[in-house]
C-alpha atoms as a PDB file:
ATOM      1  CA  MET A   1       0.133  -0.053   0.070  1.00  0.00           C
ATOM      2  CA  ARG A   2       3.025   2.459   0.849  1.00  0.00           C
ATOM      3  CA  LEU A   3       4.857   1.786  -2.031  1.00  0.00           C
ATOM      4  CA  ALA A   4       1.952   2.031  -4.410  1.00  0.00           C
ATOM      5  CA  LEU A   5       1.257   5.436  -2.505  1.00  0.00           C
ATOM      6  CA  ILE A   6       4.586   6.811  -3.168  1.00  0.00           C
ATOM      7  CA  VAL A   7       4.765   5.549  -7.006  1.00  0.00           C
ATOM      8  CA  LEU A   8       1.171   7.215  -7.270  1.00  0.00           C
ATOM      9  CA  VAL A   9       2.709  10.329  -5.908  1.00  0.00           C
ATOM     10  CA  ALA A  10       5.786  10.635  -8.107  1.00  0.00           C
ATOM     11  CA  GLY A  11       3.732   9.845 -11.056  1.00  0.00           C
ATOM     12  CA  PHE A  12       1.372  13.115  -9.977  1.00  0.00           C
ATOM     13  CA  GLY A  13       4.763  14.567  -9.730  1.00  0.00           C
ATOM     14  CA  CYS A  14       6.036  13.565 -12.957  1.00  0.00           C
ATOM     15  CA  ALA A  15       2.718  14.525 -14.745  1.00  0.00           C
ATOM     16  CA  ALA A  16       2.681  17.971 -13.300  1.00  0.00           C
ATOM     17  CA  ALA A  17       6.691  18.791 -14.272  1.00  0.00           C
ATOM     18  CA  PRO A  18       7.808  16.443 -17.125  1.00  0.00           C
ATOM     19  CA  ALA A  19      11.563  17.872 -17.532  1.00  0.00           C
ATOM     20  CA  SER A  20      12.056  16.768 -13.209  1.00  0.00           C
ATOM     21  CA  GLU A  21      13.636  13.647 -12.700  1.00  0.00           C
ATOM     22  CA  VAL A  22      12.784  10.882 -10.488  1.00  0.00           C
ATOM     23  CA  TYR A  23      14.884   8.426  -8.488  1.00  0.00           C
ATOM     24  CA  ARG A  24      14.846   5.371  -7.454  1.00  0.00           C
ATOM     25  CA  TRP A  25      16.421   3.820  -4.396  1.00  0.00           C
ATOM     26  CA  VAL A  26      15.776   0.833  -1.734  1.00  0.00           C
ATOM     27  CA  GLN A  27      16.688   1.596   2.203  1.00  0.00           C
ATOM     28  CA  GLU A  28      16.167  -0.680   4.476  1.00  0.00           C
ATOM     29  CA  GLY A  29      13.827  -3.280   2.282  1.00  0.00           C
ATOM     30  CA  GLU A  30      11.570  -0.131   1.448  1.00  0.00           C
ATOM     31  CA  VAL A  31      11.645   1.121  -1.887  1.00  0.00           C
ATOM     32  CA  TYR A  32      11.416   4.872  -2.371  1.00  0.00           C
ATOM     33  CA  TYR A  33      11.611   7.707  -4.975  1.00  0.00           C
ATOM     34  CA  GLY A  34      12.817  11.044  -4.840  1.00  0.00           C
ATOM     35  CA  ASP A  35      13.536  13.988  -6.805  1.00  0.00           C
ATOM     36  CA  ARG A  36      16.863  14.376  -5.635  1.00  0.00           C
ATOM     37  CA  PRO A  37      19.760  11.761  -6.421  1.00  0.00           C
ATOM     38  CA  LYS A  38      20.159   9.506  -3.384  1.00  0.00           C
ATOM     39  CA  GLN A  39      23.386   7.362  -2.434  1.00  0.00           C
ATOM     40  CA  GLU A  40      23.002   3.849  -4.934  1.00  0.00           C
ATOM     41  CA  ALA A  41      19.819   5.583  -6.461  1.00  0.00           C
ATOM     42  CA  GLU A  42      18.857   4.860  -9.816  1.00  0.00           C
ATOM     43  CA  LEU A  43      17.664   7.459 -12.776  1.00  0.00           C
ATOM     44  CA  LEU A  44      13.887   6.506 -14.263  1.00  0.00           C
ATOM     45  CA  GLU A  45      13.005   7.047 -17.339  1.00  0.00           C
ATOM     46  CA  VAL A  46       9.813   9.035 -16.843  1.00  0.00           C
ATOM     47  CA  LYS A  47       8.008  10.060 -19.954  1.00  0.00           C
ATOM     48  CA  PRO A  48       5.203  12.851 -19.568  1.00  0.00           C
ATOM     49  CA  GLY A  49       1.399  11.135 -19.498  1.00  0.00           C
ATOM     50  CA  SER A  50       2.798   7.454 -18.908  1.00  0.00           C
ATOM     51  CA  GLY A  51       1.744   7.270 -15.457  1.00  0.00           C
ATOM     52  CA  PRO A  52      -1.422   6.456 -13.950  1.00  0.00           C
ATOM     53  CA  GLY A  53      -1.835  10.407 -13.143  1.00  0.00           C
ATOM     54  CA  GLU A  54      -5.224  12.260 -14.440  1.00  0.00           C
ATOM     55  CA  PRO A  55      -4.959  14.780 -17.353  1.00  0.00           C
ATOM     56  CA  PRO A  56      -4.258  18.273 -16.233  1.00  0.00           C
ATOM     57  CA  GLU A  57      -7.583  19.294 -17.417  1.00  0.00           C
ATOM     58  CA  GLU A  58      -9.312  17.661 -14.795  1.00  0.00           C
ATOM     59  CA  VAL A  59      -6.499  18.376 -12.020  1.00  0.00           C
ATOM     60  CA  GLN A  60      -7.243  21.739 -12.937  1.00  0.00           C
ATOM     61  CA  ALA A  61     -10.951  21.543 -12.665  1.00  0.00           C
ATOM     62  CA  ARG A  62     -11.054  19.879  -9.219  1.00  0.00           C
ATOM     63  CA  ALA A  63      -8.630  22.648  -8.094  1.00  0.00           C
ATOM     64  CA  GLU A  64     -11.281  25.428  -9.394  1.00  0.00           C
ATOM     65  CA  LYS A  65     -14.117  23.086  -8.283  1.00  0.00           C
ATOM     66  CA  MET A  66     -12.326  23.081  -4.384  1.00  0.00           C
ATOM     67  CA  ALA A  67     -11.502  26.957  -4.369  1.00  0.00           C
ATOM     68  CA  GLU A  68     -14.930  27.909  -4.963  1.00  0.00           C
ATOM     69  CA  CYS A  69     -16.307  25.599  -2.295  1.00  0.00           C
ATOM     70  CA  GLU A  70     -13.581  27.148   0.280  1.00  0.00           C
ATOM     71  CA  ARG A  71     -14.707  30.955  -1.373  1.00  0.00           C
ATOM     72  CA  LEU A  72     -18.657  29.731  -0.467  1.00  0.00           C
ATOM     73  CA  LYS A  73     -18.013  28.265   2.809  1.00  0.00           C
ATOM     74  CA  GLU A  74     -16.125  31.508   4.253  1.00  0.00           C
ATOM     75  CA  GLN A  75     -18.674  33.650   2.863  1.00  0.00           C
ATOM     76  CA  LEU A  76     -21.555  31.438   4.518  1.00  0.00           C
ATOM     77  CA  ALA A  77     -19.467  31.995   7.626  1.00  0.00           C
ATOM     78  CA  SER A  78     -19.290  35.549   7.281  1.00  0.00           C
ATOM     79  CA  TYR A  79     -22.868  36.151   6.774  1.00  0.00           C
ATOM     80  CA  LYS A  80     -23.254  34.000   9.725  1.00  0.00           C
ATOM     81  CA  ARG A  81     -21.464  36.396  11.846  1.00  0.00           C
ATOM     82  CA  ALA A  82     -22.627  38.993  11.272  1.00  0.00           C
ATOM     83  CA  PRO A  83     -25.471  40.809  13.184  1.00  0.00           C
ATOM     84  CA  GLY A  84     -26.658  42.193  10.037  1.00  0.00           C
ATOM     85  CA  LEU A  85     -25.909  43.063   6.170  1.00  0.00           C
ATOM     86  CA  LYS A  86     -26.385  46.033   3.801  1.00  0.00           C
ATOM     87  CA  GLU A  87     -26.913  45.888   0.355  1.00  0.00           C
ATOM     88  CA  VAL A  88     -24.642  48.286  -2.495  1.00  0.00           C
ATOM     89  CA  ASN A  89     -26.301  49.295  -5.631  1.00  0.00           C
ATOM     90  CA  ALA A  90     -24.241  50.017  -8.546  1.00  0.00           C
ATOM     91  CA  LEU A  91     -24.393  53.692  -7.529  1.00  0.00           C
ATOM     92  CA  GLY A  92     -23.230  53.636  -4.541  1.00  0.00           C
ATOM     93  CA  GLY A  93     -26.225  53.261  -2.563  1.00  0.00           C
ATOM     94  CA  GLU A  94     -26.833  50.777   0.950  1.00  0.00           C
ATOM     95  CA  ARG A  95     -30.368  49.210   1.732  1.00  0.00           C
ATOM     96  CA  VAL A  96     -30.058  47.075   5.027  1.00  0.00           C
ATOM     97  CA  MET A  97     -31.459  43.601   5.079  1.00  0.00           C
ATOM     98  CA  SER A  98     -34.092  42.433   7.121  1.00  0.00           C
ATOM     99  CA  PRO A  99     -33.514  39.669   9.413  1.00  0.00           C
ATOM    100  CA  GLU A 100     -35.935  37.816   7.084  1.00  0.00           C
ATOM    101  CA  GLU A 101     -33.992  38.522   3.930  1.00  0.00           C
ATOM    102  CA  HIS A 102     -30.842  38.003   5.644  1.00  0.00           C
ATOM    103  CA  ARG A 103     -31.859  34.244   6.727  1.00  0.00           C
ATOM    104  CA  LYS A 104     -33.117  33.601   2.921  1.00  0.00           C
ATOM    105  CA  LEU A 105     -29.139  34.723   2.044  1.00  0.00           C
ATOM    106  CA  ILE A 106     -28.092  31.842   4.620  1.00  0.00           C
ATOM    107  CA  ALA A 107     -30.335  29.492   3.107  1.00  0.00           C
ATOM    108  CA  LEU A 108     -29.297  30.301  -0.490  1.00  0.00           C
ATOM    109  CA  THR A 109     -25.456  30.084   0.519  1.00  0.00           C
ATOM    110  CA  GLU A 110     -25.963  26.964   2.570  1.00  0.00           C
ATOM    111  CA  LYS A 111     -27.520  25.463  -0.680  1.00  0.00           C
ATOM    112  CA  LYS A 112     -24.729  26.520  -2.772  1.00  0.00           C
ATOM    113  CA  VAL A 113     -22.120  25.310  -0.620  1.00  0.00           C
ATOM    114  CA  THR A 114     -23.737  21.619  -0.552  1.00  0.00           C
ATOM    115  CA  GLU A 115     -24.094  21.866  -4.517  1.00  0.00           C
ATOM    116  CA  ALA A 116     -20.275  23.292  -5.196  1.00  0.00           C
ATOM    117  CA  CYS A 117     -18.764  21.425  -1.778  1.00  0.00           C
ATOM    118  CA  ALA A 118     -20.354  17.980  -2.978  1.00  0.00           C
ATOM    119  CA  PRO A 119     -17.826  14.921  -4.065  1.00  0.00           C
ATOM    120  CA  PRO A 120     -17.946  14.045  -7.872  1.00  0.00           C
ATOM    121  CA  ALA A 121     -20.314  11.764  -9.141  1.00  0.00           C
ATOM    122  CA  ALA A 122     -19.151   8.373  -9.604  1.00  0.00           C
ATOM    123  CA  ALA A 123     -17.757   7.707 -12.969  1.00  0.00           C
ATOM    124  CA  SER A 124     -20.062   4.668 -14.654  1.00  0.00           C
ATOM    125  CA  PRO A 125     -18.671   1.592 -15.351  1.00  0.00           C
END
């Protein structure tokens, strides 16, 4: 299991940085991979896209989804902490939200958090 995780991490690193070098060595019966040579390390030839890593577009999309999830969580926490909220229109005019509008905004943002932070649907075989 540990070896598989190390190989997987090494594969992701290679996909993200195709010009880097990957070394393999054995220490006390354990196999290790890294980007810096250790004594008795073997330089591996790793071609971009040859590992089990995800396509860069999927990695980018997942990172953007996670960032949006975190942004919405912070926004929700801010709304919940605020004793009251003001709306500012395009001309700079302000309007204080009623307690009911405040509750509705929190409920709407909770729904957005649920949608944005939901795990991706499992791919069908």
